Amino acid sequence: MSTELKKTESAAPVAGKSQAAEPVVLTPLVDIMETEKEVILVADMPGVNEGNVDIDLQGNNLTIKGNRDDKFGMDDAELVRGEYRPEYRYERQFTIGEVIDMKGISARMKDGVLRLTLPKLKELAPRRIQVKAG
């Protein structure tokens, strides 16, 4: 092994010691789809489960936040070496239009993918007007 590699190895974080760095805030990638009845927002937040997601609606501002579950389903395991354990969280904010039924918004989380369904107000939904003769 070279001396440089040994120095790098010894500088790596040791199990049981935490780094004091602030978590990195990432912007989740989002797809937004629209139908006549609803708007669907799909956000990709790898490593986040439903217990670590916070969705906040204040006025017409919708904020989604997610913290990565860094245990990887191994609660009883002790970290020996951590190279893929950066502290990070997701956060993104959206402005919701007046056509959305704020009380009807629902959310599902599965495999790190958040799906928000934002139904449109029924009275503002598009409708076809029939034209009569006369």
C-alpha atoms as a PDB file:
ATOM      1  CA  MET A   1       0.000   0.000   0.000  1.00  0.00           C
ATOM      2  CA  SER A   2       1.235   3.491  -0.740  1.00  0.00           C
ATOM      3  CA  THR A   3       1.773   6.035   2.050  1.00  0.00           C
ATOM      4  CA  GLU A   4      -0.886   8.290   0.498  1.00  0.00           C
ATOM      5  CA  LEU A   5      -3.502   5.564   0.668  1.00  0.00           C
ATOM      6  CA  LYS A   6      -2.660   4.806   4.282  1.00  0.00           C
ATOM      7  CA  LYS A   7      -3.070   8.460   5.193  1.00  0.00           C
ATOM      8  CA  THR A   8      -6.453   8.548   3.457  1.00  0.00           C
ATOM      9  CA  GLU A   9      -7.557   5.368   5.186  1.00  0.00           C
ATOM     10  CA  SER A  10      -6.589   6.673   8.617  1.00  0.00           C
ATOM     11  CA  ALA A  11      -8.493   9.908   7.939  1.00  0.00           C
ATOM     12  CA  ALA A  12     -11.738   8.034   7.252  1.00  0.00           C
ATOM     13  CA  PRO A  13     -14.458   8.328   9.922  1.00  0.00           C
ATOM     14  CA  VAL A  14     -14.256   5.710  12.644  1.00  0.00           C
ATOM     15  CA  ALA A  15     -17.285   3.729  13.794  1.00  0.00           C
ATOM     16  CA  GLY A  16     -19.136   5.378  16.634  1.00  0.00           C
ATOM     17  CA  LYS A  17     -17.789   8.855  15.866  1.00  0.00           C
ATOM     18  CA  SER A  18     -20.046  11.294  14.087  1.00  0.00           C
ATOM     19  CA  GLN A  19     -19.037  14.143  11.879  1.00  0.00           C
ATOM     20  CA  ALA A  20     -20.317  17.576  12.890  1.00  0.00           C
ATOM     21  CA  ALA A  21     -21.126  18.609   9.319  1.00  0.00           C
ATOM     22  CA  GLU A  22     -24.591  19.877   8.521  1.00  0.00           C
ATOM     23  CA  PRO A  23     -26.739  17.557   6.409  1.00  0.00           C
ATOM     24  CA  VAL A  24     -26.762  18.270   2.681  1.00  0.00           C
ATOM     25  CA  VAL A  25     -30.169  19.427   1.401  1.00  0.00           C
ATOM     26  CA  LEU A  26     -31.079  17.868  -1.942  1.00  0.00           C
ATOM     27  CA  THR A  27     -33.913  18.876  -4.267  1.00  0.00           C
ATOM     28  CA  PRO A  28     -35.911  15.772  -5.170  1.00  0.00           C
ATOM     29  CA  LEU A  29     -36.576  15.155  -8.853  1.00  0.00           C
ATOM     30  CA  VAL A  30     -40.283  15.564  -9.578  1.00  0.00           C
ATOM     31  CA  ASP A  31     -42.690  14.618 -12.340  1.00  0.00           C
ATOM     32  CA  ILE A  32     -46.019  16.493 -12.449  1.00  0.00           C
ATOM     33  CA  MET A  33     -48.949  15.116 -14.419  1.00  0.00           C
ATOM     34  CA  GLU A  34     -52.433  16.549 -14.862  1.00  0.00           C
ATOM     35  CA  THR A  35     -55.824  15.104 -15.716  1.00  0.00           C
ATOM     36  CA  GLU A  36     -59.197  16.826 -15.838  1.00  0.00           C
ATOM     37  CA  LYS A  37     -59.841  15.845 -12.208  1.00  0.00           C
ATOM     38  CA  GLU A  38     -56.432  16.063 -10.492  1.00  0.00           C
ATOM     39  CA  VAL A  39     -52.771  16.953 -10.505  1.00  0.00           C
ATOM     40  CA  ILE A  40     -50.334  14.171  -9.598  1.00  0.00           C
ATOM     41  CA  LEU A  41     -46.877  14.963  -8.271  1.00  0.00           C
ATOM     42  CA  VAL A  42     -44.294  12.168  -8.091  1.00  0.00           C
ATOM     43  CA  ALA A  43     -41.082  12.922  -6.162  1.00  0.00           C
ATOM     44  CA  ASP A  44     -38.044  10.646  -6.091  1.00  0.00           C
ATOM     45  CA  MET A  45     -36.472  10.507  -2.614  1.00  0.00           C
ATOM     46  CA  PRO A  46     -34.253   7.413  -2.385  1.00  0.00           C
ATOM     47  CA  GLY A  47     -33.636   6.122   1.122  1.00  0.00           C
ATOM     48  CA  VAL A  48     -36.705   7.859   2.580  1.00  0.00           C
ATOM     49  CA  ASN A  49     -39.610   5.887   4.037  1.00  0.00           C
ATOM     50  CA  GLU A  50     -43.128   7.043   4.920  1.00  0.00           C
ATOM     51  CA  GLY A  51     -42.169   7.715   8.543  1.00  0.00           C
ATOM     52  CA  ASN A  52     -39.504  10.212   7.505  1.00  0.00           C
ATOM     53  CA  VAL A  53     -41.620  12.354   5.164  1.00  0.00           C
ATOM     54  CA  ASP A  54     -43.147  15.672   6.194  1.00  0.00           C
ATOM     55  CA  ILE A  55     -45.690  17.392   3.953  1.00  0.00           C
ATOM     56  CA  ASP A  56     -46.717  20.872   5.010  1.00  0.00           C
ATOM     57  CA  LEU A  57     -49.426  23.038   3.468  1.00  0.00           C
ATOM     58  CA  GLN A  58     -49.547  26.684   4.532  1.00  0.00           C
ATOM     59  CA  GLY A  59     -51.781  28.897   2.469  1.00  0.00           C
ATOM     60  CA  ASN A  60     -50.984  27.946  -1.100  1.00  0.00           C
ATOM     61  CA  ASN A  61     -47.402  26.795  -0.335  1.00  0.00           C
ATOM     62  CA  LEU A  62     -46.838  23.045  -0.313  1.00  0.00           C
ATOM     63  CA  THR A  63     -43.521  21.885   1.143  1.00  0.00           C
ATOM     64  CA  ILE A  64     -42.238  18.323   1.045  1.00  0.00           C
ATOM     65  CA  LYS A  65     -39.339  17.232   3.238  1.00  0.00           C
ATOM     66  CA  GLY A  66     -37.771  13.830   3.661  1.00  0.00           C
ATOM     67  CA  ASN A  67     -34.954  12.483   5.785  1.00  0.00           C
ATOM     68  CA  ARG A  68     -33.017   9.464   4.634  1.00  0.00           C
ATOM     69  CA  ASP A  69     -33.364   6.340   6.746  1.00  0.00           C
ATOM     70  CA  ASP A  70     -29.693   5.560   7.239  1.00  0.00           C
ATOM     71  CA  LYS A  71     -30.160   2.227   8.983  1.00  0.00           C
ATOM     72  CA  PHE A  72     -30.968   0.340   5.752  1.00  0.00           C
ATOM     73  CA  GLY A  73     -33.235  -2.016   7.712  1.00  0.00           C
ATOM     74  CA  MET A  74     -30.344  -3.179   9.891  1.00  0.00           C
ATOM     75  CA  ASP A  75     -31.222  -1.849  13.349  1.00  0.00           C
ATOM     76  CA  ASP A  76     -29.134  -4.447  15.179  1.00  0.00           C
ATOM     77  CA  ALA A  77     -25.950  -3.967  13.086  1.00  0.00           C
ATOM     78  CA  GLU A  78     -23.018  -1.813  14.134  1.00  0.00           C
ATOM     79  CA  LEU A  79     -21.338   0.401  11.550  1.00  0.00           C
ATOM     80  CA  VAL A  80     -17.757  -0.741  11.046  1.00  0.00           C
ATOM     81  CA  ARG A  81     -16.876   1.505   8.117  1.00  0.00           C
ATOM     82  CA  GLY A  82     -19.047   4.218   6.603  1.00  0.00           C
ATOM     83  CA  GLU A  83     -18.411   5.387   3.074  1.00  0.00           C
ATOM     84  CA  TYR A  84     -21.988   5.547   1.812  1.00  0.00           C
ATOM     85  CA  ARG A  85     -23.584   7.263   4.757  1.00  0.00           C
ATOM     86  CA  PRO A  86     -23.723  10.957   3.947  1.00  0.00           C
ATOM     87  CA  GLU A  87     -26.100  12.974   6.053  1.00  0.00           C
ATOM     88  CA  TYR A  88     -28.654  14.368   3.664  1.00  0.00           C
ATOM     89  CA  ARG A  89     -32.300  15.274   3.424  1.00  0.00           C
ATOM     90  CA  TYR A  90     -34.678  16.308   0.688  1.00  0.00           C
ATOM     91  CA  GLU A  91     -36.715  19.476   0.497  1.00  0.00           C
ATOM     92  CA  ARG A  92     -38.803  21.148  -2.196  1.00  0.00           C
ATOM     93  CA  GLN A  93     -41.562  23.747  -2.211  1.00  0.00           C
ATOM     94  CA  PHE A  94     -44.424  24.325  -4.630  1.00  0.00           C
ATOM     95  CA  THR A  95     -47.076  26.993  -5.052  1.00  0.00           C
ATOM     96  CA  ILE A  96     -50.521  25.457  -5.396  1.00  0.00           C
ATOM     97  CA  GLY A  97     -53.100  27.096  -7.657  1.00  0.00           C
ATOM     98  CA  GLU A  98     -56.621  28.048  -6.598  1.00  0.00           C
ATOM     99  CA  VAL A  99     -58.120  25.200  -8.630  1.00  0.00           C
ATOM    100  CA  ILE A 100     -56.797  22.589  -6.148  1.00  0.00           C
ATOM    101  CA  ASP A 101     -59.026  21.213  -3.371  1.00  0.00           C
ATOM    102  CA  MET A 102     -56.588  21.743  -0.477  1.00  0.00           C
ATOM    103  CA  LYS A 103     -58.601  19.493   1.871  1.00  0.00           C
ATOM    104  CA  GLY A 104     -58.534  16.570  -0.565  1.00  0.00           C
ATOM    105  CA  ILE A 105     -54.746  16.269  -1.018  1.00  0.00           C
ATOM    106  CA  SER A 106     -53.440  12.759  -0.309  1.00  0.00           C
ATOM    107  CA  ALA A 107     -49.974  11.195  -0.266  1.00  0.00           C
ATOM    108  CA  ARG A 108     -48.421   7.726  -0.601  1.00  0.00           C
ATOM    109  CA  MET A 109     -44.806   6.670  -0.190  1.00  0.00           C
ATOM    110  CA  LYS A 110     -43.374   3.457  -1.600  1.00  0.00           C
ATOM    111  CA  ASP A 111     -39.760   2.459  -2.285  1.00  0.00           C
ATOM    112  CA  GLY A 112     -38.466   6.023  -1.947  1.00  0.00           C
ATOM    113  CA  VAL A 113     -41.071   7.485  -4.302  1.00  0.00           C
ATOM    114  CA  LEU A 114     -43.614   9.982  -2.942  1.00  0.00           C
ATOM    115  CA  ARG A 115     -46.879  10.328  -4.856  1.00  0.00           C
ATOM    116  CA  LEU A 116     -49.099  13.303  -4.051  1.00  0.00           C
ATOM    117  CA  THR A 117     -52.591  13.492  -5.483  1.00  0.00           C
ATOM    118  CA  LEU A 118     -54.027  16.991  -5.617  1.00  0.00           C
ATOM    119  CA  PRO A 119     -57.702  16.885  -6.659  1.00  0.00           C
ATOM    120  CA  LYS A 120     -59.162  19.847  -8.500  1.00  0.00           C
ATOM    121  CA  LEU A 121     -62.200  21.660  -7.101  1.00  0.00           C
ATOM    122  CA  LYS A 122     -65.325  20.188  -8.649  1.00  0.00           C
ATOM    123  CA  GLU A 123     -66.900  23.591  -9.347  1.00  0.00           C
ATOM    124  CA  LEU A 124     -63.800  24.659 -11.269  1.00  0.00           C
ATOM    125  CA  ALA A 125     -63.379  21.426 -13.220  1.00  0.00           C
ATOM    126  CA  PRO A 126     -63.754  21.829 -16.962  1.00  0.00           C
ATOM    127  CA  ARG A 127     -67.131  20.872 -18.356  1.00  0.00           C
ATOM    128  CA  ARG A 128     -68.690  20.658 -21.768  1.00  0.00           C
ATOM    129  CA  ILE A 129     -71.547  23.054 -22.503  1.00  0.00           C
ATOM    130  CA  GLN A 130     -74.171  21.819 -24.897  1.00  0.00           C
ATOM    131  CA  VAL A 131     -75.369  24.296 -27.529  1.00  0.00           C
ATOM    132  CA  LYS A 132     -79.105  24.194 -28.301  1.00  0.00           C
ATOM    133  CA  ALA A 133     -80.826  25.410 -31.446  1.00  0.00           C
ATOM    134  CA  GLY A 134     -83.033  28.411 -31.340  1.00  0.00           C
END
